[in-house]
Amino acid sequence: MRILAAMLLIGLASEARAEPSSEIKFLMDRPVSMLDWGMFKLQQHLKPFSMGINVSYKWKDNEIGIADFERGASVSSMEEAEALCKTTFARWDSSLLVKAGKDIIPDYCAACENFSHDGWSGEGLSEAKSKLKDRFVYLLGLDGYICERKLYEPTISIKKY
């Protein structure tokens, strides 16, 4: 009985080790850039306001697109599309602390703040974040229309497709 108890204690005391599988190891070895991190955080921040939202980098235009093409909203005219875009963009603006093309809190870009994480700072990070302000663009796909507007500009562009 003592031998059984001793073997059981030894078995419980030793660590069980498993190596990560190849797919887990592959993911562990890939770093996340601050751009990836910021787009992810911005998307999570905006999810409650638009479930189909997607934030991605637009290489061709050097912009960070904040887009929702899954609304499924039915609009029958350019005027209806514009009204819905204005309402949606105003909701996104409010979430990002922007009103009438300006920061609600002077010199504080809420969208830019997603591109770092608490407790981390690197050389040039503040400068890079401050320059992001002009890179954000809203895109909203509706039934037959696409609306576009830069975060800090009031003019909405609407195209029929």
N, C-alpha and C. Protein backbone atom coordinates (compact mmCIF):
# COMPACT_ATOMS: atom_id res chain seq x y z
N MET A 1 0.81 -1.18 0.00
CA MET A 1 0.00 0.00 0.00
C MET A 1 0.87 1.26 0.00
N ARG A 2 1.96 1.22 0.81
CA ARG A 2 2.88 2.37 0.86
C ARG A 2 3.53 2.59 -0.49
N ILE A 3 3.89 1.51 -1.16
CA ILE A 3 4.53 1.62 -2.47
C ILE A 3 3.56 2.25 -3.46
N LEU A 4 2.31 1.87 -3.42
CA LEU A 4 1.29 2.43 -4.31
C LEU A 4 1.10 3.93 -4.04
N ALA A 5 1.06 4.30 -2.78
CA ALA A 5 0.90 5.71 -2.41
C ALA A 5 2.12 6.52 -2.85
N ALA A 6 3.32 5.95 -2.68
CA ALA A 6 4.54 6.64 -3.09
C ALA A 6 4.57 6.83 -4.60
N MET A 7 4.18 5.79 -5.36
CA MET A 7 4.15 5.91 -6.82
C MET A 7 3.13 6.96 -7.26
N LEU A 8 2.01 6.98 -6.58
CA LEU A 8 0.97 7.97 -6.89
C LEU A 8 1.48 9.38 -6.62
N LEU A 9 2.15 9.60 -5.50
CA LEU A 9 2.70 10.91 -5.17
C LEU A 9 3.77 11.33 -6.18
N ILE A 10 4.63 10.44 -6.57
CA ILE A 10 5.68 10.74 -7.55
C ILE A 10 5.04 11.09 -8.89
N GLY A 11 4.03 10.33 -9.27
CA GLY A 11 3.33 10.59 -10.53
C GLY A 11 2.65 11.95 -10.54
N LEU A 12 2.06 12.32 -9.43
CA LEU A 12 1.38 13.62 -9.35
C LEU A 12 2.37 14.78 -9.26
N ALA A 13 3.53 14.52 -8.65
CA ALA A 13 4.52 15.59 -8.46
C ALA A 13 5.27 15.91 -9.74
N SER A 14 5.41 14.95 -10.64
CA SER A 14 6.15 15.23 -11.87
C SER A 14 5.29 16.04 -12.83
N GLU A 15 5.94 16.89 -13.58
CA GLU A 15 5.23 17.75 -14.52
C GLU A 15 4.94 16.99 -15.81
N ALA A 16 3.75 17.21 -16.30
CA ALA A 16 3.43 16.67 -17.62
C ALA A 16 3.77 17.75 -18.64
N ARG A 17 4.53 17.39 -19.64
CA ARG A 17 4.94 18.37 -20.64
C ARG A 17 4.46 17.92 -22.02
N ALA A 18 3.94 18.88 -22.71
CA ALA A 18 3.55 18.63 -24.09
C ALA A 18 4.13 19.75 -24.93
N GLU A 19 4.61 19.40 -26.07
CA GLU A 19 5.15 20.40 -26.99
C GLU A 19 4.00 20.99 -27.79
N PRO A 20 4.09 22.28 -28.14
CA PRO A 20 3.05 22.87 -28.98
C PRO A 20 3.02 22.19 -30.35
N SER A 21 1.85 22.05 -30.90
CA SER A 21 1.71 21.47 -32.23
C SER A 21 2.32 22.44 -33.26
N SER A 22 2.52 21.97 -34.47
CA SER A 22 3.16 22.80 -35.50
C SER A 22 2.35 24.06 -35.80
N GLU A 23 1.02 23.95 -35.82
CA GLU A 23 0.22 25.14 -36.11
C GLU A 23 0.26 26.16 -34.96
N ILE A 24 0.30 25.67 -33.73
CA ILE A 24 0.42 26.56 -32.57
C ILE A 24 1.80 27.21 -32.58
N LYS A 25 2.82 26.44 -32.83
CA LYS A 25 4.19 26.97 -32.88
C LYS A 25 4.30 28.04 -33.98
N PHE A 26 3.71 27.76 -35.15
CA PHE A 26 3.73 28.73 -36.25
C PHE A 26 3.13 30.07 -35.78
N LEU A 27 1.98 30.01 -35.12
CA LEU A 27 1.33 31.23 -34.64
C LEU A 27 2.13 31.91 -33.53
N MET A 28 2.77 31.13 -32.68
CA MET A 28 3.58 31.68 -31.60
C MET A 28 4.80 32.44 -32.14
N ASP A 29 5.31 32.01 -33.27
CA ASP A 29 6.51 32.61 -33.84
C ASP A 29 6.24 33.85 -34.69
N ARG A 30 5.00 34.21 -34.89
CA ARG A 30 4.66 35.37 -35.71
C ARG A 30 4.32 36.57 -34.82
N PRO A 31 5.10 37.63 -34.91
CA PRO A 31 4.81 38.81 -34.08
C PRO A 31 3.62 39.59 -34.61
N VAL A 32 3.00 40.31 -33.72
CA VAL A 32 1.91 41.21 -34.09
C VAL A 32 2.48 42.62 -34.15
N SER A 33 2.28 43.31 -35.26
CA SER A 33 2.77 44.68 -35.38
C SER A 33 1.83 45.63 -34.63
N MET A 34 2.30 46.82 -34.33
CA MET A 34 1.44 47.81 -33.68
C MET A 34 0.29 48.20 -34.61
N LEU A 35 0.50 48.13 -35.92
CA LEU A 35 -0.58 48.40 -36.87
C LEU A 35 -1.65 47.32 -36.74
N ASP A 36 -1.24 46.05 -36.73
CA ASP A 36 -2.20 44.96 -36.55
C ASP A 36 -2.96 45.11 -35.23
N TRP A 37 -2.20 45.37 -34.18
CA TRP A 37 -2.77 45.51 -32.84
C TRP A 37 -3.79 46.66 -32.81
N GLY A 38 -3.41 47.80 -33.36
CA GLY A 38 -4.28 48.96 -33.35
C GLY A 38 -5.56 48.74 -34.15
N MET A 39 -5.44 48.11 -35.31
CA MET A 39 -6.63 47.84 -36.12
C MET A 39 -7.56 46.88 -35.39
N PHE A 40 -6.99 45.87 -34.74
CA PHE A 40 -7.79 44.93 -33.97
C PHE A 40 -8.53 45.66 -32.84
N LYS A 41 -7.79 46.48 -32.07
CA LYS A 41 -8.41 47.19 -30.95
C LYS A 41 -9.48 48.17 -31.43
N LEU A 42 -9.22 48.87 -32.53
CA LEU A 42 -10.19 49.81 -33.08
C LEU A 42 -11.45 49.07 -33.52
N GLN A 43 -11.27 47.94 -34.16
CA GLN A 43 -12.42 47.14 -34.59
C GLN A 43 -13.24 46.67 -33.39
N GLN A 44 -12.58 46.20 -32.35
CA GLN A 44 -13.28 45.76 -31.14
C GLN A 44 -14.02 46.93 -30.49
N HIS A 45 -13.39 48.10 -30.51
CA HIS A 45 -14.00 49.29 -29.93
C HIS A 45 -15.30 49.66 -30.65
N LEU A 46 -15.31 49.51 -31.98
CA LEU A 46 -16.45 49.92 -32.78
C LEU A 46 -17.51 48.83 -32.96
N LYS A 47 -17.21 47.59 -32.59
CA LYS A 47 -18.17 46.48 -32.76
C LYS A 47 -19.56 46.76 -32.18
N PRO A 48 -19.66 47.33 -30.97
CA PRO A 48 -21.00 47.57 -30.43
C PRO A 48 -21.85 48.54 -31.28
N PHE A 49 -21.21 49.33 -32.11
CA PHE A 49 -21.93 50.30 -32.91
C PHE A 49 -22.26 49.77 -34.30
N SER A 50 -21.60 48.71 -34.70
CA SER A 50 -21.79 48.16 -36.03
C SER A 50 -21.19 46.75 -36.06
N MET A 51 -22.02 45.73 -35.93
CA MET A 51 -21.53 44.36 -35.79
C MET A 51 -20.69 43.87 -36.97
N GLY A 52 -20.97 44.36 -38.18
CA GLY A 52 -20.23 43.90 -39.35
C GLY A 52 -18.99 44.72 -39.66
N ILE A 53 -18.55 45.51 -38.70
CA ILE A 53 -17.43 46.43 -38.94
C ILE A 53 -16.12 45.67 -39.14
N ASN A 54 -15.30 46.23 -40.01
CA ASN A 54 -13.99 45.65 -40.29
C ASN A 54 -13.01 46.81 -40.43
N VAL A 55 -11.87 46.69 -39.78
CA VAL A 55 -10.83 47.70 -39.87
C VAL A 55 -9.63 47.06 -40.57
N SER A 56 -9.17 47.69 -41.63
CA SER A 56 -8.04 47.12 -42.37
C SER A 56 -7.23 48.23 -43.02
N TYR A 57 -6.00 47.89 -43.37
CA TYR A 57 -5.12 48.83 -44.03
C TYR A 57 -5.32 48.75 -45.53
N LYS A 58 -5.51 49.90 -46.15
CA LYS A 58 -5.69 49.98 -47.60
C LYS A 58 -4.35 50.39 -48.20
N TRP A 59 -3.62 49.43 -48.71
CA TRP A 59 -2.27 49.67 -49.23
C TRP A 59 -2.25 50.73 -50.32
N LYS A 60 -3.17 50.60 -51.26
CA LYS A 60 -3.17 51.50 -52.42
C LYS A 60 -3.30 52.98 -52.00
N ASP A 61 -4.09 53.23 -50.98
CA ASP A 61 -4.37 54.60 -50.57
C ASP A 61 -3.61 55.03 -49.31
N ASN A 62 -2.88 54.10 -48.69
CA ASN A 62 -2.18 54.37 -47.43
C ASN A 62 -3.16 54.90 -46.39
N GLU A 63 -4.28 54.19 -46.25
CA GLU A 63 -5.33 54.59 -45.31
C GLU A 63 -5.74 53.40 -44.46
N ILE A 64 -6.31 53.72 -43.32
CA ILE A 64 -6.90 52.70 -42.46
C ILE A 64 -8.40 52.79 -42.65
N GLY A 65 -8.94 51.77 -43.29
CA GLY A 65 -10.36 51.75 -43.61
C GLY A 65 -11.18 51.18 -42.47
N ILE A 66 -12.23 51.92 -42.12
CA ILE A 66 -13.20 51.48 -41.12
C ILE A 66 -14.47 51.24 -41.93
N ALA A 67 -14.78 49.96 -42.17
CA ALA A 67 -15.81 49.64 -43.14
C ALA A 67 -16.87 48.69 -42.59
N ASP A 68 -18.07 48.86 -43.10
CA ASP A 68 -19.17 47.94 -42.82
C ASP A 68 -19.91 47.71 -44.12
N PHE A 69 -19.81 46.51 -44.65
CA PHE A 69 -20.48 46.15 -45.89
C PHE A 69 -21.54 45.09 -45.66
N GLU A 70 -21.89 44.85 -44.40
CA GLU A 70 -22.83 43.78 -44.09
C GLU A 70 -24.15 44.32 -43.52
N ARG A 71 -24.44 45.54 -43.73
CA ARG A 71 -25.64 46.12 -43.14
C ARG A 71 -26.91 45.54 -43.72
N GLY A 72 -26.91 45.30 -45.02
CA GLY A 72 -28.11 44.77 -45.66
C GLY A 72 -29.25 45.77 -45.68
N ALA A 73 -28.93 47.03 -45.43
CA ALA A 73 -29.97 48.05 -45.41
C ALA A 73 -30.50 48.29 -46.82
N SER A 74 -31.78 48.39 -46.92
CA SER A 74 -32.40 48.63 -48.21
C SER A 74 -32.65 50.13 -48.37
N VAL A 75 -32.02 50.71 -49.37
CA VAL A 75 -32.24 52.13 -49.67
C VAL A 75 -32.62 52.23 -51.14
N SER A 76 -33.49 53.18 -51.42
CA SER A 76 -33.98 53.28 -52.80
C SER A 76 -33.51 54.54 -53.52
N SER A 77 -32.77 55.40 -52.81
CA SER A 77 -32.30 56.62 -53.46
C SER A 77 -30.98 57.08 -52.86
N MET A 78 -30.32 57.95 -53.57
CA MET A 78 -29.06 58.52 -53.10
C MET A 78 -29.31 59.31 -51.81
N GLU A 79 -30.45 59.97 -51.71
CA GLU A 79 -30.77 60.75 -50.51
C GLU A 79 -30.93 59.84 -49.29
N GLU A 80 -31.60 58.71 -49.47
CA GLU A 80 -31.74 57.76 -48.36
C GLU A 80 -30.37 57.21 -47.95
N ALA A 81 -29.55 56.90 -48.93
CA ALA A 81 -28.21 56.39 -48.65
C ALA A 81 -27.41 57.43 -47.87
N GLU A 82 -27.49 58.67 -48.30
CA GLU A 82 -26.76 59.74 -47.61
C GLU A 82 -27.24 59.90 -46.17
N ALA A 83 -28.54 59.85 -45.95
CA ALA A 83 -29.08 60.00 -44.60
C ALA A 83 -28.61 58.86 -43.69
N LEU A 84 -28.64 57.63 -44.21
CA LEU A 84 -28.20 56.49 -43.41
C LEU A 84 -26.71 56.55 -43.14
N CYS A 85 -25.94 56.99 -44.13
CA CYS A 85 -24.49 57.13 -43.94
C CYS A 85 -24.18 58.19 -42.89
N LYS A 86 -24.88 59.32 -42.96
CA LYS A 86 -24.66 60.38 -41.97
C LYS A 86 -24.93 59.88 -40.56
N THR A 87 -26.03 59.14 -40.40
CA THR A 87 -26.40 58.61 -39.08
C THR A 87 -25.35 57.62 -38.58
N THR A 88 -24.93 56.71 -39.45
CA THR A 88 -23.93 55.70 -39.07
C THR A 88 -22.59 56.35 -38.75
N PHE A 89 -22.13 57.24 -39.61
CA PHE A 89 -20.85 57.90 -39.40
C PHE A 89 -20.88 58.76 -38.12
N ALA A 90 -22.02 59.38 -37.83
CA ALA A 90 -22.14 60.18 -36.60
C ALA A 90 -22.00 59.27 -35.37
N ARG A 91 -22.57 58.06 -35.44
CA ARG A 91 -22.44 57.11 -34.33
C ARG A 91 -20.97 56.70 -34.15
N TRP A 92 -20.29 56.42 -35.27
CA TRP A 92 -18.88 56.07 -35.19
C TRP A 92 -18.06 57.25 -34.67
N ASP A 93 -18.36 58.47 -35.16
CA ASP A 93 -17.67 59.68 -34.68
C ASP A 93 -17.80 59.80 -33.17
N SER A 94 -19.02 59.65 -32.68
CA SER A 94 -19.28 59.79 -31.25
C SER A 94 -18.43 58.80 -30.45
N SER A 95 -18.35 57.57 -30.95
CA SER A 95 -17.55 56.55 -30.28
C SER A 95 -16.07 56.91 -30.28
N LEU A 96 -15.62 57.61 -31.32
CA LEU A 96 -14.20 57.99 -31.43
C LEU A 96 -13.95 59.42 -30.95
N LEU A 97 -14.93 59.99 -30.27
CA LEU A 97 -14.82 61.32 -29.67
C LEU A 97 -14.51 62.41 -30.70
N VAL A 98 -15.23 62.35 -31.83
CA VAL A 98 -15.09 63.34 -32.89
C VAL A 98 -16.45 63.98 -33.11
N LYS A 99 -16.46 65.29 -33.28
CA LYS A 99 -17.70 66.01 -33.58
C LYS A 99 -17.38 67.13 -34.55
N ALA A 100 -18.12 67.18 -35.63
CA ALA A 100 -17.95 68.21 -36.67
C ALA A 100 -16.50 68.26 -37.17
N GLY A 101 -15.88 67.10 -37.32
CA GLY A 101 -14.53 67.04 -37.88
C GLY A 101 -13.43 67.42 -36.92
N LYS A 102 -13.74 67.54 -35.64
CA LYS A 102 -12.72 67.92 -34.64
C LYS A 102 -12.79 66.98 -33.44
N ASP A 103 -11.66 66.84 -32.76
CA ASP A 103 -11.63 66.05 -31.54
C ASP A 103 -12.46 66.73 -30.47
N ILE A 104 -13.31 65.98 -29.78
CA ILE A 104 -14.10 66.54 -28.68
C ILE A 104 -13.16 66.97 -27.56
N ILE A 105 -12.15 66.15 -27.30
CA ILE A 105 -11.10 66.51 -26.35
C ILE A 105 -9.95 67.06 -27.19
N PRO A 106 -9.63 68.34 -27.06
CA PRO A 106 -8.59 68.94 -27.91
C PRO A 106 -7.29 68.14 -27.92
N ASP A 107 -6.77 67.94 -29.13
CA ASP A 107 -5.50 67.24 -29.33
C ASP A 107 -5.49 65.80 -28.82
N TYR A 108 -6.65 65.17 -28.75
CA TYR A 108 -6.73 63.76 -28.34
C TYR A 108 -7.43 62.98 -29.44
N CYS A 109 -6.69 62.15 -30.14
CA CYS A 109 -7.24 61.32 -31.20
C CYS A 109 -7.55 59.94 -30.61
N ALA A 110 -8.83 59.71 -30.30
CA ALA A 110 -9.22 58.44 -29.68
C ALA A 110 -8.92 57.25 -30.60
N ALA A 111 -9.12 57.42 -31.90
CA ALA A 111 -8.82 56.34 -32.84
C ALA A 111 -7.33 56.01 -32.81
N CYS A 112 -6.50 57.04 -32.72
CA CYS A 112 -5.04 56.85 -32.71
C CYS A 112 -4.56 56.11 -31.46
N GLU A 113 -5.24 56.33 -30.35
CA GLU A 113 -4.83 55.73 -29.08
C GLU A 113 -4.90 54.21 -29.08
N ASN A 114 -5.63 53.63 -30.03
CA ASN A 114 -5.71 52.17 -30.13
C ASN A 114 -4.40 51.56 -30.63
N PHE A 115 -3.51 52.38 -31.17
CA PHE A 115 -2.29 51.87 -31.79
C PHE A 115 -1.10 51.83 -30.83
N SER A 116 -1.38 51.51 -29.60
CA SER A 116 -0.36 51.22 -28.60
C SER A 116 -1.06 50.39 -27.53
N HIS A 117 -0.32 49.94 -26.54
CA HIS A 117 -0.99 49.25 -25.45
C HIS A 117 -0.43 49.75 -24.13
N ASP A 118 -1.24 49.61 -23.09
CA ASP A 118 -0.89 50.13 -21.78
C ASP A 118 0.48 49.65 -21.34
N GLY A 119 1.25 50.59 -20.86
CA GLY A 119 2.55 50.24 -20.31
C GLY A 119 3.66 50.09 -21.34
N TRP A 120 3.34 50.28 -22.61
CA TRP A 120 4.38 50.13 -23.63
C TRP A 120 4.54 51.43 -24.38
N SER A 121 5.78 51.79 -24.58
CA SER A 121 6.09 52.97 -25.36
C SER A 121 7.40 52.70 -26.08
N GLY A 122 7.49 53.14 -27.28
CA GLY A 122 8.72 52.95 -28.03
C GLY A 122 9.11 54.24 -28.70
N GLU A 123 10.35 54.31 -29.10
CA GLU A 123 10.83 55.51 -29.77
C GLU A 123 10.00 55.77 -31.03
N GLY A 124 9.50 56.97 -31.15
CA GLY A 124 8.74 57.35 -32.33
C GLY A 124 7.26 56.99 -32.29
N LEU A 125 6.81 56.26 -31.25
CA LEU A 125 5.42 55.82 -31.19
C LEU A 125 4.46 57.01 -31.10
N SER A 126 4.74 57.97 -30.25
CA SER A 126 3.85 59.13 -30.11
C SER A 126 3.73 59.90 -31.41
N GLU A 127 4.85 60.09 -32.07
CA GLU A 127 4.86 60.82 -33.34
C GLU A 127 4.07 60.06 -34.41
N ALA A 128 4.28 58.76 -34.48
CA ALA A 128 3.58 57.93 -35.47
C ALA A 128 2.07 57.98 -35.21
N LYS A 129 1.67 57.87 -33.94
CA LYS A 129 0.25 57.91 -33.60
C LYS A 129 -0.37 59.25 -33.97
N SER A 130 0.36 60.33 -33.73
CA SER A 130 -0.19 61.66 -34.03
C SER A 130 -0.38 61.87 -35.54
N LYS A 131 0.43 61.22 -36.35
CA LYS A 131 0.33 61.35 -37.80
C LYS A 131 -0.76 60.44 -38.40
N LEU A 132 -1.27 59.51 -37.60
CA LEU A 132 -2.33 58.61 -38.08
C LEU A 132 -3.64 59.34 -38.31
N LYS A 133 -3.83 60.42 -37.65
CA LYS A 133 -5.10 61.14 -37.63
C LYS A 133 -5.72 61.32 -39.02
N ASP A 134 -4.92 61.61 -40.01
CA ASP A 134 -5.43 61.85 -41.36
C ASP A 134 -5.56 60.58 -42.19
N ARG A 135 -5.30 59.44 -41.61
CA ARG A 135 -5.30 58.17 -42.36
C ARG A 135 -6.60 57.38 -42.24
N PHE A 136 -7.50 57.77 -41.35
CA PHE A 136 -8.72 57.01 -41.12
C PHE A 136 -9.81 57.41 -42.11
N VAL A 137 -10.44 56.40 -42.71
CA VAL A 137 -11.52 56.66 -43.66
C VAL A 137 -12.67 55.69 -43.36
N TYR A 138 -13.88 56.24 -43.34
CA TYR A 138 -15.09 55.44 -43.15
C TYR A 138 -15.59 54.96 -44.51
N LEU A 139 -16.08 53.73 -44.56
CA LEU A 139 -16.72 53.18 -45.75
C LEU A 139 -17.98 52.43 -45.29
N LEU A 140 -19.09 52.72 -45.94
CA LEU A 140 -20.33 52.03 -45.60
C LEU A 140 -20.99 51.55 -46.88
N GLY A 141 -21.16 50.24 -46.99
CA GLY A 141 -21.81 49.66 -48.15
C GLY A 141 -23.28 49.44 -47.89
N LEU A 142 -24.10 50.02 -48.74
CA LEU A 142 -25.55 49.86 -48.64
C LEU A 142 -26.04 49.15 -49.89
N ASP A 143 -27.30 48.93 -49.97
CA ASP A 143 -27.90 48.26 -51.12
C ASP A 143 -27.75 49.12 -52.38
N GLY A 144 -26.65 48.91 -53.11
CA GLY A 144 -26.42 49.64 -54.36
C GLY A 144 -25.60 50.90 -54.22
N TYR A 145 -25.18 51.25 -53.00
CA TYR A 145 -24.42 52.49 -52.77
C TYR A 145 -23.23 52.23 -51.85
N ILE A 146 -22.19 53.02 -52.04
CA ILE A 146 -21.04 53.02 -51.12
C ILE A 146 -20.81 54.46 -50.69
N CYS A 147 -20.77 54.66 -49.38
CA CYS A 147 -20.48 55.98 -48.82
C CYS A 147 -19.05 55.96 -48.27
N GLU A 148 -18.38 57.08 -48.41
CA GLU A 148 -17.01 57.20 -47.92
C GLU A 148 -16.81 58.58 -47.32
N ARG A 149 -16.07 58.63 -46.22
CA ARG A 149 -15.75 59.91 -45.59
C ARG A 149 -14.51 59.75 -44.73
N LYS A 150 -13.61 60.71 -44.80
CA LYS A 150 -12.46 60.70 -43.89
C LYS A 150 -12.96 61.06 -42.49
N LEU A 151 -12.30 60.51 -41.49
CA LEU A 151 -12.73 60.70 -40.11
C LEU A 151 -12.85 62.18 -39.74
N TYR A 152 -11.90 63.00 -40.15
CA TYR A 152 -11.89 64.40 -39.74
C TYR A 152 -12.36 65.35 -40.83
N GLU A 153 -13.11 64.86 -41.78
CA GLU A 153 -13.66 65.72 -42.84
C GLU A 153 -15.17 65.57 -42.86
N PRO A 154 -15.90 66.63 -43.14
CA PRO A 154 -17.36 66.57 -43.09
C PRO A 154 -18.02 66.01 -44.36
N THR A 155 -17.33 66.02 -45.48
CA THR A 155 -17.94 65.67 -46.75
C THR A 155 -18.02 64.17 -46.96
N ILE A 156 -19.23 63.69 -47.28
CA ILE A 156 -19.45 62.28 -47.57
C ILE A 156 -19.52 62.12 -49.08
N SER A 157 -18.78 61.16 -49.59
CA SER A 157 -18.82 60.82 -51.01
C SER A 157 -19.73 59.59 -51.15
N ILE A 158 -20.69 59.65 -52.06
CA ILE A 158 -21.61 58.52 -52.27
C ILE A 158 -21.53 58.11 -53.73
N LYS A 159 -21.32 56.81 -53.93
CA LYS A 159 -21.25 56.28 -55.29
C LYS A 159 -22.30 55.18 -55.43
N LYS A 160 -22.95 55.18 -56.58
CA LYS A 160 -23.89 54.12 -56.91
C LYS A 160 -23.11 53.04 -57.64
N TYR A 161 -23.36 51.80 -57.32
CA TYR A 161 -22.69 50.70 -58.04
C TYR A 161 -23.71 49.70 -58.54
